[in-house]
Amino acid sequence: PLIELLSMLPPEEFFHVLREQWTNFGLRDAIVQRLAAHPDAADRAKFLFGVDSGNTQVAKVCVQALEKLPADETPKNRLPLMRLMRRLINEDGQDALRKQVVALLTRDGELKFDLDPKEKDGADVAARKKTYQPLFENFATKFPALAGELIVTGDEDPAAWRALIKQAPWDKGDVARGEAL
């Protein structure tokens, strides 16, 4: 709420305060959302951090901020965008954001990916995985040293998580022990 109130000040009076608070992890999502209103290349790392946010709205605002900045040719800075892409493939209703991320990833020309115009928005997860697989393959070819950093073990498969959660003995929990923990 304090950030929202202070954001009514002109950016030149407010943004330096936000940047000084960057070490406060609890405020980072709110900070990048405000900085994104007037993107500055000095905040690129913050926007890339925001792209990795679990909050899709924060990621979207950061993608929009990155679109307004000059192209970045640093291969390592593509990792957060590729991780976001991997996540967005599993999320329905994110067709526009997926297209924005692809545009950012390919705007310098080093990564190649053309979305098939026959692909329809709203495809299911399996179809989206198939559609975007060439992007991941191209990334792995162009940046083999970074490709391994995209591999996430365990938490990549939502079905596996659902199966694991169903196995939990929810009726045998100890409330007192949980509170103590």
C-alpha atoms as a PDB file:
ATOM      1  CA  PRO A   1       0.000   0.000   0.000  1.00  0.00           C
ATOM      2  CA  LEU A   2       2.855   2.398   0.755  1.00  0.00           C
ATOM      3  CA  ILE A   3       4.392   1.774  -2.663  1.00  0.00           C
ATOM      4  CA  GLU A   4       1.032   2.427  -4.284  1.00  0.00           C
ATOM      5  CA  LEU A   5       0.667   5.689  -2.384  1.00  0.00           C
ATOM      6  CA  LEU A   6       4.209   6.850  -3.166  1.00  0.00           C
ATOM      7  CA  SER A   7       3.792   5.931  -6.823  1.00  0.00           C
ATOM      8  CA  MET A   8       1.599   9.007  -7.185  1.00  0.00           C
ATOM      9  CA  LEU A   9       4.795  11.068  -7.041  1.00  0.00           C
ATOM     10  CA  PRO A  10       6.624  11.832 -10.292  1.00  0.00           C
ATOM     11  CA  PRO A  11       8.929   8.918 -11.275  1.00  0.00           C
ATOM     12  CA  GLU A  12      12.102  10.981 -10.847  1.00  0.00           C
ATOM     13  CA  GLU A  13      11.186  11.531  -7.185  1.00  0.00           C
ATOM     14  CA  PHE A  14       9.988   7.988  -6.505  1.00  0.00           C
ATOM     15  CA  PHE A  15      11.974   5.467  -8.552  1.00  0.00           C
ATOM     16  CA  HIS A  16      15.251   5.919  -6.672  1.00  0.00           C
ATOM     17  CA  VAL A  17      13.390   4.951  -3.473  1.00  0.00           C
ATOM     18  CA  LEU A  18      12.093   1.800  -5.182  1.00  0.00           C
ATOM     19  CA  ARG A  19      15.561   0.860  -6.393  1.00  0.00           C
ATOM     20  CA  GLU A  20      16.962   1.286  -2.868  1.00  0.00           C
ATOM     21  CA  GLN A  21      14.323  -1.179  -1.601  1.00  0.00           C
ATOM     22  CA  TRP A  22      15.273  -3.894  -4.130  1.00  0.00           C
ATOM     23  CA  THR A  23      17.001  -5.941  -1.408  1.00  0.00           C
ATOM     24  CA  ASN A  24      13.593  -6.398   0.248  1.00  0.00           C
ATOM     25  CA  PHE A  25      12.414  -9.579  -1.502  1.00  0.00           C
ATOM     26  CA  GLY A  26       8.851  -9.113  -0.267  1.00  0.00           C
ATOM     27  CA  LEU A  27       8.534  -5.879  -2.236  1.00  0.00           C
ATOM     28  CA  ARG A  28      10.122  -6.968  -5.513  1.00  0.00           C
ATOM     29  CA  ASP A  29       6.901  -7.778  -7.379  1.00  0.00           C
ATOM     30  CA  ALA A  30       5.421  -4.421  -6.396  1.00  0.00           C
ATOM     31  CA  ILE A  31       8.657  -2.610  -7.259  1.00  0.00           C
ATOM     32  CA  VAL A  32       8.981  -4.019 -10.776  1.00  0.00           C
ATOM     33  CA  GLN A  33       5.344  -3.276 -11.510  1.00  0.00           C
ATOM     34  CA  ARG A  34       5.941   0.398 -10.701  1.00  0.00           C
ATOM     35  CA  LEU A  35       9.298   0.610 -12.505  1.00  0.00           C
ATOM     36  CA  ALA A  36       7.690  -0.961 -15.581  1.00  0.00           C
ATOM     37  CA  ALA A  37       5.477   2.097 -15.999  1.00  0.00           C
ATOM     38  CA  HIS A  38       8.594   3.992 -17.172  1.00  0.00           C
ATOM     39  CA  PRO A  39      11.144   1.349 -18.227  1.00  0.00           C
ATOM     40  CA  ASP A  40      14.808   2.233 -17.960  1.00  0.00           C
ATOM     41  CA  ALA A  41      17.624   0.048 -19.299  1.00  0.00           C
ATOM     42  CA  ALA A  42      19.259   0.299 -15.865  1.00  0.00           C
ATOM     43  CA  ASP A  43      16.355  -1.780 -14.517  1.00  0.00           C
ATOM     44  CA  ARG A  44      16.633  -4.594 -17.106  1.00  0.00           C
ATOM     45  CA  ALA A  45      17.892  -7.085 -14.489  1.00  0.00           C
ATOM     46  CA  LYS A  46      14.930  -6.247 -12.264  1.00  0.00           C
ATOM     47  CA  PHE A  47      12.490  -6.839 -15.129  1.00  0.00           C
ATOM     48  CA  LEU A  48      14.188 -10.149 -15.912  1.00  0.00           C
ATOM     49  CA  PHE A  49      13.784 -11.076 -12.254  1.00  0.00           C
ATOM     50  CA  GLY A  50      10.103 -10.114 -12.500  1.00  0.00           C
ATOM     51  CA  VAL A  51       9.672 -12.304 -15.584  1.00  0.00           C
ATOM     52  CA  ASP A  52      10.526 -15.240 -13.305  1.00  0.00           C
ATOM     53  CA  SER A  53       7.826 -14.227 -10.801  1.00  0.00           C
ATOM     54  CA  GLY A  54       5.206 -16.826 -10.018  1.00  0.00           C
ATOM     55  CA  ASN A  55       2.651 -14.069 -10.509  1.00  0.00           C
ATOM     56  CA  THR A  56       1.708 -14.070 -14.194  1.00  0.00           C
ATOM     57  CA  GLN A  57       0.536 -10.443 -14.048  1.00  0.00           C
ATOM     58  CA  VAL A  58       3.961  -9.345 -12.760  1.00  0.00           C
ATOM     59  CA  ALA A  59       5.668 -11.382 -15.485  1.00  0.00           C
ATOM     60  CA  LYS A  60       3.405  -9.784 -18.099  1.00  0.00           C
ATOM     61  CA  VAL A  61       4.186  -6.244 -16.949  1.00  0.00           C
ATOM     62  CA  CYS A  62       7.910  -7.050 -17.006  1.00  0.00           C
ATOM     63  CA  VAL A  63       7.682  -8.487 -20.529  1.00  0.00           C
ATOM     64  CA  GLN A  64       5.954  -5.293 -21.632  1.00  0.00           C
ATOM     65  CA  ALA A  65       8.721  -3.215 -20.022  1.00  0.00           C
ATOM     66  CA  LEU A  66      11.423  -5.292 -21.741  1.00  0.00           C
ATOM     67  CA  GLU A  67       9.669  -4.743 -25.083  1.00  0.00           C
ATOM     68  CA  LYS A  68      10.199  -1.006 -24.661  1.00  0.00           C
ATOM     69  CA  LEU A  69      13.925  -1.372 -23.977  1.00  0.00           C
ATOM     70  CA  PRO A  70      16.548  -1.854 -26.691  1.00  0.00           C
ATOM     71  CA  ALA A  71      17.215  -5.467 -27.696  1.00  0.00           C
ATOM     72  CA  ASP A  72      19.506  -7.351 -25.335  1.00  0.00           C
ATOM     73  CA  GLU A  73      22.011  -9.689 -26.947  1.00  0.00           C
ATOM     74  CA  THR A  74      23.192 -11.274 -23.689  1.00  0.00           C
ATOM     75  CA  PRO A  75      22.392 -15.000 -24.008  1.00  0.00           C
ATOM     76  CA  LYS A  76      22.042 -15.495 -20.236  1.00  0.00           C
ATOM     77  CA  ASN A  77      19.304 -12.838 -20.154  1.00  0.00           C
ATOM     78  CA  ARG A  78      17.163 -15.082 -22.347  1.00  0.00           C
ATOM     79  CA  LEU A  79      16.917 -17.722 -19.604  1.00  0.00           C
ATOM     80  CA  PRO A  80      14.149 -16.024 -17.582  1.00  0.00           C
ATOM     81  CA  LEU A  81      12.136 -15.555 -20.782  1.00  0.00           C
ATOM     82  CA  MET A  82      12.619 -19.211 -21.746  1.00  0.00           C
ATOM     83  CA  ARG A  83      11.579 -20.329 -18.244  1.00  0.00           C
ATOM     84  CA  LEU A  84       8.499 -18.123 -18.500  1.00  0.00           C
ATOM     85  CA  MET A  85       7.731 -19.622 -21.891  1.00  0.00           C
ATOM     86  CA  ARG A  86       7.971 -23.123 -20.462  1.00  0.00           C
ATOM     87  CA  ARG A  87       5.528 -22.131 -17.724  1.00  0.00           C
ATOM     88  CA  LEU A  88       3.134 -20.357 -20.089  1.00  0.00           C
ATOM     89  CA  ILE A  89       2.842 -23.425 -22.291  1.00  0.00           C
ATOM     90  CA  ASN A  90       1.043 -25.074 -19.375  1.00  0.00           C
ATOM     91  CA  GLU A  91      -1.284 -22.114 -18.755  1.00  0.00           C
ATOM     92  CA  ASP A  92      -4.508 -21.605 -20.678  1.00  0.00           C
ATOM     93  CA  GLY A  93      -5.485 -18.112 -21.759  1.00  0.00           C
ATOM     94  CA  GLN A  94      -1.914 -16.844 -22.173  1.00  0.00           C
ATOM     95  CA  ASP A  95      -1.697 -16.873 -25.979  1.00  0.00           C
ATOM     96  CA  ALA A  96      -0.944 -13.143 -26.265  1.00  0.00           C
ATOM     97  CA  LEU A  97       1.757 -13.259 -23.592  1.00  0.00           C
ATOM     98  CA  ARG A  98       3.380 -16.294 -25.248  1.00  0.00           C
ATOM     99  CA  LYS A  99       3.536 -14.353 -28.525  1.00  0.00           C
ATOM    100  CA  GLN A 100       5.102 -11.354 -26.753  1.00  0.00           C
ATOM    101  CA  VAL A 101       7.761 -13.569 -25.172  1.00  0.00           C
ATOM    102  CA  VAL A 102       8.575 -15.185 -28.527  1.00  0.00           C
ATOM    103  CA  ALA A 103       8.912 -11.723 -30.080  1.00  0.00           C
ATOM    104  CA  LEU A 104      11.359 -10.689 -27.347  1.00  0.00           C
ATOM    105  CA  LEU A 105      13.383 -13.876 -27.652  1.00  0.00           C
ATOM    106  CA  THR A 106      13.696 -13.599 -31.415  1.00  0.00           C
ATOM    107  CA  ARG A 107      13.918  -9.851 -32.030  1.00  0.00           C
ATOM    108  CA  ASP A 108      17.705  -9.774 -32.391  1.00  0.00           C
ATOM    109  CA  GLY A 109      17.566 -12.549 -34.978  1.00  0.00           C
ATOM    110  CA  GLU A 110      19.895 -14.986 -33.211  1.00  0.00           C
ATOM    111  CA  LEU A 111      17.080 -17.288 -32.096  1.00  0.00           C
ATOM    112  CA  LYS A 112      14.736 -18.418 -34.829  1.00  0.00           C
ATOM    113  CA  PHE A 113      11.110 -19.365 -34.366  1.00  0.00           C
ATOM    114  CA  ASP A 114       8.103 -18.774 -36.539  1.00  0.00           C
ATOM    115  CA  LEU A 115       4.719 -19.446 -35.013  1.00  0.00           C
ATOM    116  CA  ASP A 116       2.710 -21.400 -37.553  1.00  0.00           C
ATOM    117  CA  PRO A 117      -0.137 -19.090 -38.632  1.00  0.00           C
ATOM    118  CA  LYS A 118      -2.435 -22.128 -38.739  1.00  0.00           C
ATOM    119  CA  GLU A 119      -2.001 -22.595 -34.986  1.00  0.00           C
ATOM    120  CA  LYS A 120      -5.089 -21.441 -33.199  1.00  0.00           C
ATOM    121  CA  ASP A 121      -5.170 -19.597 -29.893  1.00  0.00           C
ATOM    122  CA  GLY A 122      -6.528 -21.715 -27.091  1.00  0.00           C
ATOM    123  CA  ALA A 123      -4.871 -25.009 -28.096  1.00  0.00           C
ATOM    124  CA  ASP A 124      -4.473 -27.617 -25.378  1.00  0.00           C
ATOM    125  CA  VAL A 125      -1.214 -28.122 -23.466  1.00  0.00           C
ATOM    126  CA  ALA A 126      -0.022 -31.028 -25.628  1.00  0.00           C
ATOM    127  CA  ALA A 127      -0.560 -29.004 -28.810  1.00  0.00           C
ATOM    128  CA  ARG A 128       1.229 -25.993 -27.323  1.00  0.00           C
ATOM    129  CA  LYS A 129       4.193 -28.144 -26.285  1.00  0.00           C
ATOM    130  CA  LYS A 130       4.463 -29.446 -29.830  1.00  0.00           C
ATOM    131  CA  THR A 131       4.095 -25.948 -31.303  1.00  0.00           C
ATOM    132  CA  TYR A 132       6.795 -24.362 -29.153  1.00  0.00           C
ATOM    133  CA  GLN A 133       9.231 -27.304 -29.031  1.00  0.00           C
ATOM    134  CA  PRO A 134      11.265 -25.919 -31.986  1.00  0.00           C
ATOM    135  CA  LEU A 135      11.926 -22.747 -29.964  1.00  0.00           C
ATOM    136  CA  PHE A 136      13.435 -24.797 -27.130  1.00  0.00           C
ATOM    137  CA  GLU A 137      15.415 -26.900 -29.596  1.00  0.00           C
ATOM    138  CA  ASN A 138      16.766 -23.765 -31.276  1.00  0.00           C
ATOM    139  CA  PHE A 139      17.734 -22.337 -27.887  1.00  0.00           C
ATOM    140  CA  ALA A 140      19.563 -25.555 -26.989  1.00  0.00           C
ATOM    141  CA  THR A 141      21.405 -25.489 -30.322  1.00  0.00           C
ATOM    142  CA  LYS A 142      22.410 -21.821 -30.103  1.00  0.00           C
ATOM    143  CA  PHE A 143      23.211 -21.790 -26.393  1.00  0.00           C
ATOM    144  CA  PRO A 144      24.144 -25.342 -25.332  1.00  0.00           C
ATOM    145  CA  ALA A 145      25.858 -24.146 -22.150  1.00  0.00           C
ATOM    146  CA  LEU A 146      22.631 -22.458 -21.004  1.00  0.00           C
ATOM    147  CA  ALA A 147      20.199 -25.149 -22.149  1.00  0.00           C
ATOM    148  CA  GLY A 148      20.894 -27.244 -19.046  1.00  0.00           C
ATOM    149  CA  GLU A 149      19.729 -24.388 -16.845  1.00  0.00           C
ATOM    150  CA  LEU A 150      16.258 -24.694 -18.361  1.00  0.00           C
ATOM    151  CA  ILE A 151      15.847 -28.247 -17.169  1.00  0.00           C
ATOM    152  CA  VAL A 152      13.894 -28.306 -13.944  1.00  0.00           C
ATOM    153  CA  THR A 153      13.534 -31.654 -12.264  1.00  0.00           C
ATOM    154  CA  GLY A 154      10.466 -32.694 -10.346  1.00  0.00           C
ATOM    155  CA  ASP A 155       8.272 -29.606 -10.508  1.00  0.00           C
ATOM    156  CA  GLU A 156       7.870 -29.587 -14.294  1.00  0.00           C
ATOM    157  CA  ASP A 157       5.010 -32.080 -14.486  1.00  0.00           C
ATOM    158  CA  PRO A 158       1.743 -30.803 -12.970  1.00  0.00           C
ATOM    159  CA  ALA A 159       0.175 -34.272 -13.268  1.00  0.00           C
ATOM    160  CA  ALA A 160       2.967 -35.752 -11.141  1.00  0.00           C
ATOM    161  CA  TRP A 161       2.362 -33.114  -8.477  1.00  0.00           C
ATOM    162  CA  ARG A 162      -1.398 -33.781  -8.451  1.00  0.00           C
ATOM    163  CA  ALA A 163      -0.740 -37.526  -8.034  1.00  0.00           C
ATOM    164  CA  LEU A 164       1.691 -36.848  -5.186  1.00  0.00           C
ATOM    165  CA  ILE A 165      -0.791 -34.545  -3.416  1.00  0.00           C
ATOM    166  CA  LYS A 166      -3.552 -37.160  -3.690  1.00  0.00           C
ATOM    167  CA  GLN A 167      -1.313 -39.654  -1.868  1.00  0.00           C
ATOM    168  CA  ALA A 168      -0.862 -37.390   1.155  1.00  0.00           C
ATOM    169  CA  PRO A 169      -2.678 -38.685   4.268  1.00  0.00           C
ATOM    170  CA  TRP A 170      -4.584 -35.452   4.848  1.00  0.00           C
ATOM    171  CA  ASP A 171      -6.835 -36.931   7.548  1.00  0.00           C
ATOM    172  CA  LYS A 172      -3.858 -37.994   9.710  1.00  0.00           C
ATOM    173  CA  GLY A 173      -2.316 -34.579  10.248  1.00  0.00           C
ATOM    174  CA  ASP A 174      -1.392 -33.237  13.679  1.00  0.00           C
ATOM    175  CA  VAL A 175      -2.583 -29.624  13.960  1.00  0.00           C
ATOM    176  CA  ALA A 176      -0.474 -28.873  17.048  1.00  0.00           C
ATOM    177  CA  ARG A 177       2.659 -30.199  15.390  1.00  0.00           C
ATOM    178  CA  GLY A 178       1.882 -28.201  12.247  1.00  0.00           C
ATOM    179  CA  GLU A 179       1.468 -25.018  14.275  1.00  0.00           C
ATOM    180  CA  ALA A 180       4.761 -25.681  16.040  1.00  0.00           C
ATOM    181  CA  LEU A 181       6.542 -26.183  12.724  1.00  0.00           C
END
